[in-house]
Amino acid sequence: MPEAPQKRSYRYYDLVMASFVTVLLCADVIGVTKVSSVAGLSFGAGVLFFPISYLFGDVLTEVYGYARSRRVIWAGFAALIFASFMSWVIRILPPAPDWPFQAAYETIFGQTPRIVVASLTAFWAGEFANSYVLAKLKLLTRGRFLWTRTIGSTIVGEAVDSMIFYPVAFLGFWAPSLLLRVMVANYAIKVLWEAAATPLTYKIVNFLKRAEQEDYYDRDTDFNPFLLQT
């Protein structure tokens, strides 16, 4: 019987996956509820770090392909579910009588079910939109003009993310004017952040392509987001 073809093994794929999930959890758990204002511009504090997850998403799809990026997105989705569950359990545990910080803890980590649903849905839809657009643009550009893929996919992915997250999480809780200002400002910051990070993205992508000897093109890929096999 002929031997089954062996799957490629990669030196840095697991490291990129771990980095993606770490950034995602930190941005979503630590910075999701705080609104900051700098020079009159209101924005969600987590926006300063959340775009890094899209940078890693771009790198994953560009180097390893949509199917392997899909596995990482699902890993991040599962990690967010666990983080939300853990935050809820710890928050509702009765505090010790001499521990005076329960109110502060609830203020910081007391995400409502709306925010949890908004975070999970927006992340899932935005990341898959980002990965799909990048994979298709890579075929369209025949692997040239990396910047068009990283920025173009971010424009689409972050738009999907923002249009889902902010209305689902805060509509009726924030004033409509604040909601719109924060949503627009965050979207602009995330897209500009990705554009500014283009030289770094080039360095990471070029390093990984050389180290892994991989430059994947999704010519025959099944883009069903619910599959897990690569």
C-alpha atoms as a PDB file:
ATOM      1  CA  MET A   1       0.000   0.000   0.000  1.00  0.00           C
ATOM      2  CA  PRO A   2       1.289   3.479  -0.783  1.00  0.00           C
ATOM      3  CA  GLU A   3       2.291   5.530   2.222  1.00  0.00           C
ATOM      4  CA  ALA A   4       0.002   8.382   3.210  1.00  0.00           C
ATOM      5  CA  PRO A   5       1.528  11.768   2.494  1.00  0.00           C
ATOM      6  CA  GLN A   6       3.008  13.306   5.609  1.00  0.00           C
ATOM      7  CA  LYS A   7       1.869  16.720   6.711  1.00  0.00           C
ATOM      8  CA  ARG A   8       4.354  19.552   6.831  1.00  0.00           C
ATOM      9  CA  SER A   9       5.778  20.445  10.222  1.00  0.00           C
ATOM     10  CA  TYR A  10       6.713  24.040  10.935  1.00  0.00           C
ATOM     11  CA  ARG A  11       9.192  25.551  13.355  1.00  0.00           C
ATOM     12  CA  TYR A  12       7.292  28.711  14.231  1.00  0.00           C
ATOM     13  CA  TYR A  13       3.598  27.985  13.580  1.00  0.00           C
ATOM     14  CA  ASP A  14       2.863  27.081  17.224  1.00  0.00           C
ATOM     15  CA  LEU A  15       4.725  30.166  18.433  1.00  0.00           C
ATOM     16  CA  VAL A  16       2.708  32.445  16.152  1.00  0.00           C
ATOM     17  CA  MET A  17      -0.500  30.756  17.346  1.00  0.00           C
ATOM     18  CA  ALA A  18       0.436  31.288  21.004  1.00  0.00           C
ATOM     19  CA  SER A  19       1.309  34.927  20.319  1.00  0.00           C
ATOM     20  CA  PHE A  20      -2.005  35.482  18.550  1.00  0.00           C
ATOM     21  CA  VAL A  21      -4.061  33.990  21.391  1.00  0.00           C
ATOM     22  CA  THR A  22      -2.069  35.879  24.060  1.00  0.00           C
ATOM     23  CA  VAL A  23      -2.580  39.255  22.404  1.00  0.00           C
ATOM     24  CA  LEU A  24      -6.243  38.496  21.800  1.00  0.00           C
ATOM     25  CA  LEU A  25      -6.921  37.570  25.437  1.00  0.00           C
ATOM     26  CA  CYS A  26      -5.029  40.546  26.854  1.00  0.00           C
ATOM     27  CA  ALA A  27      -6.711  43.059  24.534  1.00  0.00           C
ATOM     28  CA  ASP A  28     -10.179  41.603  25.026  1.00  0.00           C
ATOM     29  CA  VAL A  29     -10.074  41.047  28.795  1.00  0.00           C
ATOM     30  CA  ILE A  30      -7.970  43.984  29.986  1.00  0.00           C
ATOM     31  CA  GLY A  31      -8.876  46.807  27.636  1.00  0.00           C
ATOM     32  CA  VAL A  32     -12.368  46.134  26.316  1.00  0.00           C
ATOM     33  CA  THR A  33     -14.436  48.273  28.728  1.00  0.00           C
ATOM     34  CA  LYS A  34     -12.263  51.350  29.286  1.00  0.00           C
ATOM     35  CA  VAL A  35     -12.845  54.464  27.184  1.00  0.00           C
ATOM     36  CA  SER A  36      -9.896  56.865  27.018  1.00  0.00           C
ATOM     37  CA  SER A  37      -9.692  60.405  25.710  1.00  0.00           C
ATOM     38  CA  VAL A  38      -6.537  61.943  24.278  1.00  0.00           C
ATOM     39  CA  ALA A  39      -6.581  65.429  22.740  1.00  0.00           C
ATOM     40  CA  GLY A  40     -10.382  65.293  22.629  1.00  0.00           C
ATOM     41  CA  LEU A  41     -10.455  61.964  20.788  1.00  0.00           C
ATOM     42  CA  SER A  42     -12.428  59.211  22.568  1.00  0.00           C
ATOM     43  CA  PHE A  43     -11.383  55.619  21.921  1.00  0.00           C
ATOM     44  CA  GLY A  44     -11.428  52.206  23.564  1.00  0.00           C
ATOM     45  CA  ALA A  45      -8.154  51.608  25.378  1.00  0.00           C
ATOM     46  CA  GLY A  46      -7.854  48.069  24.049  1.00  0.00           C
ATOM     47  CA  VAL A  47      -7.601  49.400  20.499  1.00  0.00           C
ATOM     48  CA  LEU A  48      -3.930  50.157  21.073  1.00  0.00           C
ATOM     49  CA  PHE A  49      -3.162  46.442  21.281  1.00  0.00           C
ATOM     50  CA  PHE A  50      -6.028  44.574  19.607  1.00  0.00           C
ATOM     51  CA  PRO A  51      -4.729  45.255  16.045  1.00  0.00           C
ATOM     52  CA  ILE A  52      -1.684  43.121  16.855  1.00  0.00           C
ATOM     53  CA  SER A  53      -3.992  40.096  16.645  1.00  0.00           C
ATOM     54  CA  TYR A  54      -4.887  41.117  13.083  1.00  0.00           C
ATOM     55  CA  LEU A  55      -1.193  41.469  12.274  1.00  0.00           C
ATOM     56  CA  PHE A  56      -0.644  37.883  13.417  1.00  0.00           C
ATOM     57  CA  GLY A  57      -3.758  36.827  11.494  1.00  0.00           C
ATOM     58  CA  ASP A  58      -2.318  38.373   8.343  1.00  0.00           C
ATOM     59  CA  VAL A  59       1.015  36.647   8.893  1.00  0.00           C
ATOM     60  CA  LEU A  60      -0.635  33.271   9.462  1.00  0.00           C
ATOM     61  CA  THR A  61      -2.730  33.404   6.289  1.00  0.00           C
ATOM     62  CA  GLU A  62       0.058  34.866   4.153  1.00  0.00           C
ATOM     63  CA  VAL A  63       2.645  32.271   5.157  1.00  0.00           C
ATOM     64  CA  TYR A  64       0.695  29.171   6.204  1.00  0.00           C
ATOM     65  CA  GLY A  65      -2.614  29.582   4.351  1.00  0.00           C
ATOM     66  CA  TYR A  66      -6.262  30.056   5.261  1.00  0.00           C
ATOM     67  CA  ALA A  67      -6.820  26.538   6.639  1.00  0.00           C
ATOM     68  CA  ARG A  68      -4.038  26.805   9.224  1.00  0.00           C
ATOM     69  CA  SER A  69      -5.136  30.327  10.098  1.00  0.00           C
ATOM     70  CA  ARG A  70      -8.656  28.953  10.587  1.00  0.00           C
ATOM     71  CA  ARG A  71      -7.384  26.580  13.288  1.00  0.00           C
ATOM     72  CA  VAL A  72      -5.755  29.481  15.109  1.00  0.00           C
ATOM     73  CA  ILE A  73      -8.937  31.556  14.936  1.00  0.00           C
ATOM     74  CA  TRP A  74     -10.880  28.710  16.518  1.00  0.00           C
ATOM     75  CA  ALA A  75      -8.187  28.363  19.195  1.00  0.00           C
ATOM     76  CA  GLY A  76      -8.569  32.052  19.970  1.00  0.00           C
ATOM     77  CA  PHE A  77     -12.349  31.707  20.034  1.00  0.00           C
ATOM     78  CA  ALA A  78     -12.127  28.853  22.560  1.00  0.00           C
ATOM     79  CA  ALA A  79      -9.651  30.836  24.670  1.00  0.00           C
ATOM     80  CA  LEU A  80     -12.037  33.817  24.782  1.00  0.00           C
ATOM     81  CA  ILE A  81     -14.896  31.572  25.892  1.00  0.00           C
ATOM     82  CA  PHE A  82     -12.778  30.148  28.714  1.00  0.00           C
ATOM     83  CA  ALA A  83     -11.522  33.593  29.782  1.00  0.00           C
ATOM     84  CA  SER A  84     -15.095  34.913  29.915  1.00  0.00           C
ATOM     85  CA  PHE A  85     -16.250  31.889  31.914  1.00  0.00           C
ATOM     86  CA  MET A  86     -13.335  32.156  34.332  1.00  0.00           C
ATOM     87  CA  SER A  87     -13.937  35.881  34.863  1.00  0.00           C
ATOM     88  CA  TRP A  88     -17.590  35.204  35.603  1.00  0.00           C
ATOM     89  CA  VAL A  89     -16.896  32.382  38.089  1.00  0.00           C
ATOM     90  CA  ILE A  90     -14.231  34.329  39.986  1.00  0.00           C
ATOM     91  CA  ARG A  91     -16.371  37.457  40.062  1.00  0.00           C
ATOM     92  CA  ILE A  92     -19.396  35.723  41.599  1.00  0.00           C
ATOM     93  CA  LEU A  93     -17.408  33.844  44.238  1.00  0.00           C
ATOM     94  CA  PRO A  94     -18.139  35.389  47.665  1.00  0.00           C
ATOM     95  CA  PRO A  95     -15.234  37.615  48.739  1.00  0.00           C
ATOM     96  CA  ALA A  96     -13.518  37.107  52.067  1.00  0.00           C
ATOM     97  CA  PRO A  97     -14.876  39.442  54.763  1.00  0.00           C
ATOM     98  CA  ASP A  98     -11.553  41.285  55.051  1.00  0.00           C
ATOM     99  CA  TRP A  99     -11.005  41.634  51.266  1.00  0.00           C
ATOM    100  CA  PRO A 100     -12.276  45.143  50.332  1.00  0.00           C
ATOM    101  CA  PHE A 101     -11.801  45.086  46.547  1.00  0.00           C
ATOM    102  CA  GLN A 102     -14.875  43.218  45.315  1.00  0.00           C
ATOM    103  CA  ALA A 103     -16.572  46.346  43.928  1.00  0.00           C
ATOM    104  CA  ALA A 104     -13.442  47.367  42.024  1.00  0.00           C
ATOM    105  CA  TYR A 105     -13.018  43.846  40.708  1.00  0.00           C
ATOM    106  CA  GLU A 106     -16.597  43.776  39.467  1.00  0.00           C
ATOM    107  CA  THR A 107     -16.162  47.156  37.794  1.00  0.00           C
ATOM    108  CA  ILE A 108     -13.088  46.001  35.881  1.00  0.00           C
ATOM    109  CA  PHE A 109     -13.958  42.385  35.100  1.00  0.00           C
ATOM    110  CA  GLY A 110     -17.728  42.441  35.338  1.00  0.00           C
ATOM    111  CA  GLN A 111     -18.417  42.065  31.647  1.00  0.00           C
ATOM    112  CA  THR A 112     -22.098  41.734  30.958  1.00  0.00           C
ATOM    113  CA  PRO A 113     -23.406  38.869  28.815  1.00  0.00           C
ATOM    114  CA  ARG A 114     -23.893  41.446  26.047  1.00  0.00           C
ATOM    115  CA  ILE A 115     -20.198  42.300  25.988  1.00  0.00           C
ATOM    116  CA  VAL A 116     -19.204  38.641  26.026  1.00  0.00           C
ATOM    117  CA  VAL A 117     -21.530  37.837  23.117  1.00  0.00           C
ATOM    118  CA  ALA A 118     -20.400  40.950  21.259  1.00  0.00           C
ATOM    119  CA  SER A 119     -16.712  40.114  21.758  1.00  0.00           C
ATOM    120  CA  LEU A 120     -17.045  36.510  20.645  1.00  0.00           C
ATOM    121  CA  THR A 121     -19.242  37.265  17.628  1.00  0.00           C
ATOM    122  CA  ALA A 122     -17.199  40.257  16.454  1.00  0.00           C
ATOM    123  CA  PHE A 123     -13.902  38.427  16.836  1.00  0.00           C
ATOM    124  CA  TRP A 124     -15.119  35.349  14.980  1.00  0.00           C
ATOM    125  CA  ALA A 125     -16.651  37.263  12.066  1.00  0.00           C
ATOM    126  CA  GLY A 126     -13.893  39.860  11.812  1.00  0.00           C
ATOM    127  CA  GLU A 127     -10.985  37.435  11.864  1.00  0.00           C
ATOM    128  CA  PHE A 128     -12.528  35.112   9.292  1.00  0.00           C
ATOM    129  CA  ALA A 129     -13.343  38.066   7.036  1.00  0.00           C
ATOM    130  CA  ASN A 130      -9.755  39.277   7.410  1.00  0.00           C
ATOM    131  CA  SER A 131      -8.258  35.869   6.605  1.00  0.00           C
ATOM    132  CA  TYR A 132     -10.595  35.229   3.662  1.00  0.00           C
ATOM    133  CA  VAL A 133      -9.935  38.612   2.038  1.00  0.00           C
ATOM    134  CA  LEU A 134      -6.170  38.256   2.431  1.00  0.00           C
ATOM    135  CA  ALA A 135      -6.150  34.759   0.930  1.00  0.00           C
ATOM    136  CA  LYS A 136      -8.224  35.878  -2.054  1.00  0.00           C
ATOM    137  CA  LEU A 137      -6.157  39.025  -2.595  1.00  0.00           C
ATOM    138  CA  LYS A 138      -2.983  36.936  -2.582  1.00  0.00           C
ATOM    139  CA  LEU A 139      -4.344  34.940  -5.510  1.00  0.00           C
ATOM    140  CA  LEU A 140      -5.546  38.093  -7.262  1.00  0.00           C
ATOM    141  CA  THR A 141      -2.176  39.849  -6.911  1.00  0.00           C
ATOM    142  CA  ARG A 142      -0.230  36.621  -7.586  1.00  0.00           C
ATOM    143  CA  GLY A 143       1.699  37.084  -4.373  1.00  0.00           C
ATOM    144  CA  ARG A 144       2.859  40.609  -5.147  1.00  0.00           C
ATOM    145  CA  PHE A 145       2.140  43.830  -3.247  1.00  0.00           C
ATOM    146  CA  LEU A 146       1.853  42.373   0.256  1.00  0.00           C
ATOM    147  CA  TRP A 147       0.763  45.738   1.632  1.00  0.00           C
ATOM    148  CA  THR A 148      -2.438  45.639  -0.427  1.00  0.00           C
ATOM    149  CA  ARG A 149      -3.396  42.374   1.270  1.00  0.00           C
ATOM    150  CA  THR A 150      -2.502  43.266   4.837  1.00  0.00           C
ATOM    151  CA  ILE A 151      -4.156  46.683   4.743  1.00  0.00           C
ATOM    152  CA  GLY A 152      -7.056  45.646   2.504  1.00  0.00           C
ATOM    153  CA  SER A 153      -7.952  42.660   4.666  1.00  0.00           C
ATOM    154  CA  THR A 154      -7.735  44.802   7.799  1.00  0.00           C
ATOM    155  CA  ILE A 155     -10.074  47.415   6.320  1.00  0.00           C
ATOM    156  CA  VAL A 156     -12.679  44.695   5.784  1.00  0.00           C
ATOM    157  CA  GLY A 157     -12.033  42.622   8.923  1.00  0.00           C
ATOM    158  CA  GLU A 158     -11.933  45.547  11.328  1.00  0.00           C
ATOM    159  CA  ALA A 159     -15.074  47.023   9.756  1.00  0.00           C
ATOM    160  CA  VAL A 160     -16.938  43.760  10.341  1.00  0.00           C
ATOM    161  CA  ASP A 161     -15.574  43.565  13.893  1.00  0.00           C
ATOM    162  CA  SER A 162     -16.475  47.160  14.789  1.00  0.00           C
ATOM    163  CA  MET A 163     -19.951  47.106  13.252  1.00  0.00           C
ATOM    164  CA  ILE A 164     -20.812  44.019  15.302  1.00  0.00           C
ATOM    165  CA  PHE A 165     -19.073  44.665  18.606  1.00  0.00           C
ATOM    166  CA  TYR A 166     -20.001  48.222  19.556  1.00  0.00           C
ATOM    167  CA  PRO A 167     -23.740  48.169  18.775  1.00  0.00           C
ATOM    168  CA  VAL A 168     -24.217  44.710  20.322  1.00  0.00           C
ATOM    169  CA  ALA A 169     -22.179  45.566  23.424  1.00  0.00           C
ATOM    170  CA  PHE A 170     -23.112  49.176  24.149  1.00  0.00           C
ATOM    171  CA  LEU A 171     -26.181  50.327  22.205  1.00  0.00           C
ATOM    172  CA  GLY A 172     -28.658  51.582  24.804  1.00  0.00           C
ATOM    173  CA  PHE A 173     -25.938  51.726  27.453  1.00  0.00           C
ATOM    174  CA  TRP A 174     -23.728  54.414  25.940  1.00  0.00           C
ATOM    175  CA  ALA A 175     -25.148  57.578  24.445  1.00  0.00           C
ATOM    176  CA  PRO A 176     -25.524  57.142  20.658  1.00  0.00           C
ATOM    177  CA  SER A 177     -23.097  59.997  20.001  1.00  0.00           C
ATOM    178  CA  LEU A 178     -20.427  58.407  22.218  1.00  0.00           C
ATOM    179  CA  LEU A 179     -21.021  55.004  20.653  1.00  0.00           C
ATOM    180  CA  LEU A 180     -20.581  56.392  17.153  1.00  0.00           C
ATOM    181  CA  ARG A 181     -17.494  58.441  18.078  1.00  0.00           C
ATOM    182  CA  VAL A 182     -15.776  55.523  19.775  1.00  0.00           C
ATOM    183  CA  MET A 183     -16.679  53.080  17.002  1.00  0.00           C
ATOM    184  CA  VAL A 184     -15.410  55.360  14.233  1.00  0.00           C
ATOM    185  CA  ALA A 185     -12.306  56.413  16.157  1.00  0.00           C
ATOM    186  CA  ASN A 186     -11.413  52.826  17.057  1.00  0.00           C
ATOM    187  CA  TYR A 187     -11.889  51.664  13.491  1.00  0.00           C
ATOM    188  CA  ALA A 188      -9.696  54.448  12.127  1.00  0.00           C
ATOM    189  CA  ILE A 189      -7.007  53.818  14.746  1.00  0.00           C
ATOM    190  CA  LYS A 190      -6.938  50.074  14.035  1.00  0.00           C
ATOM    191  CA  VAL A 191      -6.641  50.549  10.275  1.00  0.00           C
ATOM    192  CA  LEU A 192      -3.971  53.245  10.641  1.00  0.00           C
ATOM    193  CA  TRP A 193      -2.149  51.051  13.162  1.00  0.00           C
ATOM    194  CA  GLU A 194      -2.055  48.196  10.658  1.00  0.00           C
ATOM    195  CA  ALA A 195      -0.823  50.510   7.909  1.00  0.00           C
ATOM    196  CA  ALA A 196       1.932  51.875  10.158  1.00  0.00           C
ATOM    197  CA  ALA A 197       2.965  48.317  11.057  1.00  0.00           C
ATOM    198  CA  THR A 198       3.457  47.347   7.394  1.00  0.00           C
ATOM    199  CA  PRO A 199       7.296  47.420   7.548  1.00  0.00           C
ATOM    200  CA  LEU A 200       7.181  45.128  10.606  1.00  0.00           C
ATOM    201  CA  THR A 201       4.710  42.826   8.863  1.00  0.00           C
ATOM    202  CA  TYR A 202       7.051  42.578   5.869  1.00  0.00           C
ATOM    203  CA  LYS A 203       9.964  41.623   8.128  1.00  0.00           C
ATOM    204  CA  ILE A 204       7.991  38.941   9.973  1.00  0.00           C
ATOM    205  CA  VAL A 205       6.480  37.490   6.795  1.00  0.00           C
ATOM    206  CA  ASN A 206       9.785  37.394   4.928  1.00  0.00           C
ATOM    207  CA  PHE A 207      11.556  35.802   7.897  1.00  0.00           C
ATOM    208  CA  LEU A 208       8.908  33.101   8.285  1.00  0.00           C
ATOM    209  CA  LYS A 209       8.753  32.333   4.579  1.00  0.00           C
ATOM    210  CA  ARG A 210      12.503  31.758   4.527  1.00  0.00           C
ATOM    211  CA  ALA A 211      12.618  29.842   7.816  1.00  0.00           C
ATOM    212  CA  GLU A 212       9.617  27.638   7.042  1.00  0.00           C
ATOM    213  CA  GLN A 213      10.257  27.385   3.288  1.00  0.00           C
ATOM    214  CA  GLU A 214       6.569  28.056   2.845  1.00  0.00           C
ATOM    215  CA  ASP A 215       4.547  30.614   0.896  1.00  0.00           C
ATOM    216  CA  TYR A 216       1.062  29.151   0.740  1.00  0.00           C
ATOM    217  CA  TYR A 217      -1.498  29.957  -1.978  1.00  0.00           C
ATOM    218  CA  ASP A 218      -5.114  29.003  -1.268  1.00  0.00           C
ATOM    219  CA  ARG A 219      -5.931  27.809  -4.784  1.00  0.00           C
ATOM    220  CA  ASP A 220      -7.887  24.695  -3.775  1.00  0.00           C
ATOM    221  CA  THR A 221      -8.848  25.652  -0.233  1.00  0.00           C
ATOM    222  CA  ASP A 222     -12.289  25.017   1.185  1.00  0.00           C
ATOM    223  CA  PHE A 223     -13.093  28.356   2.861  1.00  0.00           C
ATOM    224  CA  ASN A 224     -15.846  26.937   5.070  1.00  0.00           C
ATOM    225  CA  PRO A 225     -15.034  28.560   8.451  1.00  0.00           C
ATOM    226  CA  PHE A 226     -16.451  25.615  10.393  1.00  0.00           C
ATOM    227  CA  LEU A 227     -13.861  23.105   9.217  1.00  0.00           C
ATOM    228  CA  LEU A 228     -10.812  22.408  11.358  1.00  0.00           C
ATOM    229  CA  GLN A 229      -8.624  20.212   9.174  1.00  0.00           C
ATOM    230  CA  THR A 230      -5.720  21.748   7.284  1.00  0.00           C
END
